[in-house]
Amino acid sequence: MYLYLKSKGTASWIIRYQLFGKRRQYKIGGYGKGHEELLDLEDAIKFRIDCRQKLNDGLDPKLDF
């Protein structure tokens, strides 16, 4: 999981994962001004844990949420 900085004051939380041999990434929410879905670090970590559980079950978190 990392924070992708777009411009001054805006960023997005991104999760990178690999499923069935393919590398994927999933934007889980925004951080900063101008985002509809604001996530702080604590919420982003909780979301990442949920995504990791889905991956362990063989589900694609991007398609399951």
C-alpha atoms as a PDB file:
ATOM      1  CA  MET A   1       0.000   0.000   0.000  1.00  0.00           C
ATOM      2  CA  TYR A   2       1.262   3.446  -0.813  1.00  0.00           C
ATOM      3  CA  LEU A   3       0.111   7.034  -1.066  1.00  0.00           C
ATOM      4  CA  TYR A   4       0.232   8.370  -4.621  1.00  0.00           C
ATOM      5  CA  LEU A   5       0.652  12.155  -4.678  1.00  0.00           C
ATOM      6  CA  LYS A   6      -1.185  13.723  -7.605  1.00  0.00           C
ATOM      7  CA  SER A   7      -0.838  17.423  -7.003  1.00  0.00           C
ATOM      8  CA  LYS A   8      -0.384  19.810  -4.135  1.00  0.00           C
ATOM      9  CA  GLY A   9      -2.818  18.813  -1.402  1.00  0.00           C
ATOM     10  CA  THR A  10      -4.320  15.721  -3.080  1.00  0.00           C
ATOM     11  CA  ALA A  11      -3.341  12.074  -2.975  1.00  0.00           C
ATOM     12  CA  SER A  12      -4.782   8.577  -3.369  1.00  0.00           C
ATOM     13  CA  TRP A  13      -4.251   5.372  -1.421  1.00  0.00           C
ATOM     14  CA  ILE A  14      -3.201   2.564  -3.786  1.00  0.00           C
ATOM     15  CA  ILE A  15      -2.914  -1.146  -3.032  1.00  0.00           C
ATOM     16  CA  ARG A  16      -0.725  -3.292  -5.272  1.00  0.00           C
ATOM     17  CA  TYR A  17      -1.288  -7.023  -5.340  1.00  0.00           C
ATOM     18  CA  GLN A  18      -0.767 -10.094  -7.450  1.00  0.00           C
ATOM     19  CA  LEU A  19      -3.555 -12.558  -8.215  1.00  0.00           C
ATOM     20  CA  PHE A  20      -3.391 -15.558 -10.544  1.00  0.00           C
ATOM     21  CA  GLY A  21       0.042 -14.463 -11.748  1.00  0.00           C
ATOM     22  CA  LYS A  22      -1.077 -10.974 -12.739  1.00  0.00           C
ATOM     23  CA  ARG A  23       0.027  -7.787 -11.026  1.00  0.00           C
ATOM     24  CA  ARG A  24      -2.788  -5.343 -10.285  1.00  0.00           C
ATOM     25  CA  GLN A  25      -3.421  -2.160  -8.374  1.00  0.00           C
ATOM     26  CA  TYR A  26      -6.531  -0.783  -6.719  1.00  0.00           C
ATOM     27  CA  LYS A  27      -7.304   2.770  -5.643  1.00  0.00           C
ATOM     28  CA  ILE A  28      -9.049   2.466  -2.290  1.00  0.00           C
ATOM     29  CA  GLY A  29      -9.670   6.141  -1.594  1.00  0.00           C
ATOM     30  CA  GLY A  30      -8.364   9.652  -1.470  1.00  0.00           C
ATOM     31  CA  TYR A  31      -6.437  11.671   1.026  1.00  0.00           C
ATOM     32  CA  GLY A  32      -6.484  15.447   1.155  1.00  0.00           C
ATOM     33  CA  LYS A  33      -8.696  18.198  -0.145  1.00  0.00           C
ATOM     34  CA  GLY A  34     -11.005  17.654  -3.089  1.00  0.00           C
ATOM     35  CA  HIS A  35     -11.674  13.933  -2.623  1.00  0.00           C
ATOM     36  CA  GLU A  36     -15.125  12.458  -2.106  1.00  0.00           C
ATOM     37  CA  GLU A  37     -13.781   9.382  -0.296  1.00  0.00           C
ATOM     38  CA  LEU A  38     -11.332  10.626   2.289  1.00  0.00           C
ATOM     39  CA  LEU A  39      -9.362   7.942   4.095  1.00  0.00           C
ATOM     40  CA  ASP A  40      -6.876   8.562   6.836  1.00  0.00           C
ATOM     41  CA  LEU A  41      -4.001   6.180   7.459  1.00  0.00           C
ATOM     42  CA  GLU A  42      -5.879   4.093  10.033  1.00  0.00           C
ATOM     43  CA  ASP A  43      -8.861   3.500   7.723  1.00  0.00           C
ATOM     44  CA  ALA A  44      -6.572   2.734   4.776  1.00  0.00           C
ATOM     45  CA  ILE A  45      -4.753   0.095   6.837  1.00  0.00           C
ATOM     46  CA  LYS A  46      -8.065  -1.507   7.871  1.00  0.00           C
ATOM     47  CA  PHE A  47      -9.179  -1.561   4.240  1.00  0.00           C
ATOM     48  CA  ARG A  48      -5.863  -3.134   3.226  1.00  0.00           C
ATOM     49  CA  ILE A  49      -6.309  -5.872   5.823  1.00  0.00           C
ATOM     50  CA  ASP A  50      -9.759  -6.639   4.388  1.00  0.00           C
ATOM     51  CA  CYS A  51      -8.291  -6.755   0.881  1.00  0.00           C
ATOM     52  CA  ARG A  52      -5.521  -9.103   2.019  1.00  0.00           C
ATOM     53  CA  GLN A  53      -8.118 -11.449   3.538  1.00  0.00           C
ATOM     54  CA  LYS A  54     -10.030 -11.523   0.243  1.00  0.00           C
ATOM     55  CA  LEU A  55      -6.797 -12.290  -1.631  1.00  0.00           C
ATOM     56  CA  ASN A  56      -6.098 -15.156   0.775  1.00  0.00           C
ATOM     57  CA  ASP A  57      -9.567 -16.506  -0.081  1.00  0.00           C
ATOM     58  CA  GLY A  58      -8.759 -16.285  -3.815  1.00  0.00           C
ATOM     59  CA  LEU A  59     -11.024 -13.281  -4.491  1.00  0.00           C
ATOM     60  CA  ASP A  60     -10.084 -10.147  -6.380  1.00  0.00           C
ATOM     61  CA  PRO A  61     -10.657  -7.260  -3.935  1.00  0.00           C
ATOM     62  CA  LYS A  62     -11.133  -4.802  -6.781  1.00  0.00           C
ATOM     63  CA  LEU A  63     -14.119  -6.761  -8.077  1.00  0.00           C
ATOM     64  CA  ASP A  64     -15.514  -7.789  -4.685  1.00  0.00           C
ATOM     65  CA  PHE A  65     -16.042  -4.332  -3.069  1.00  0.00           C
END
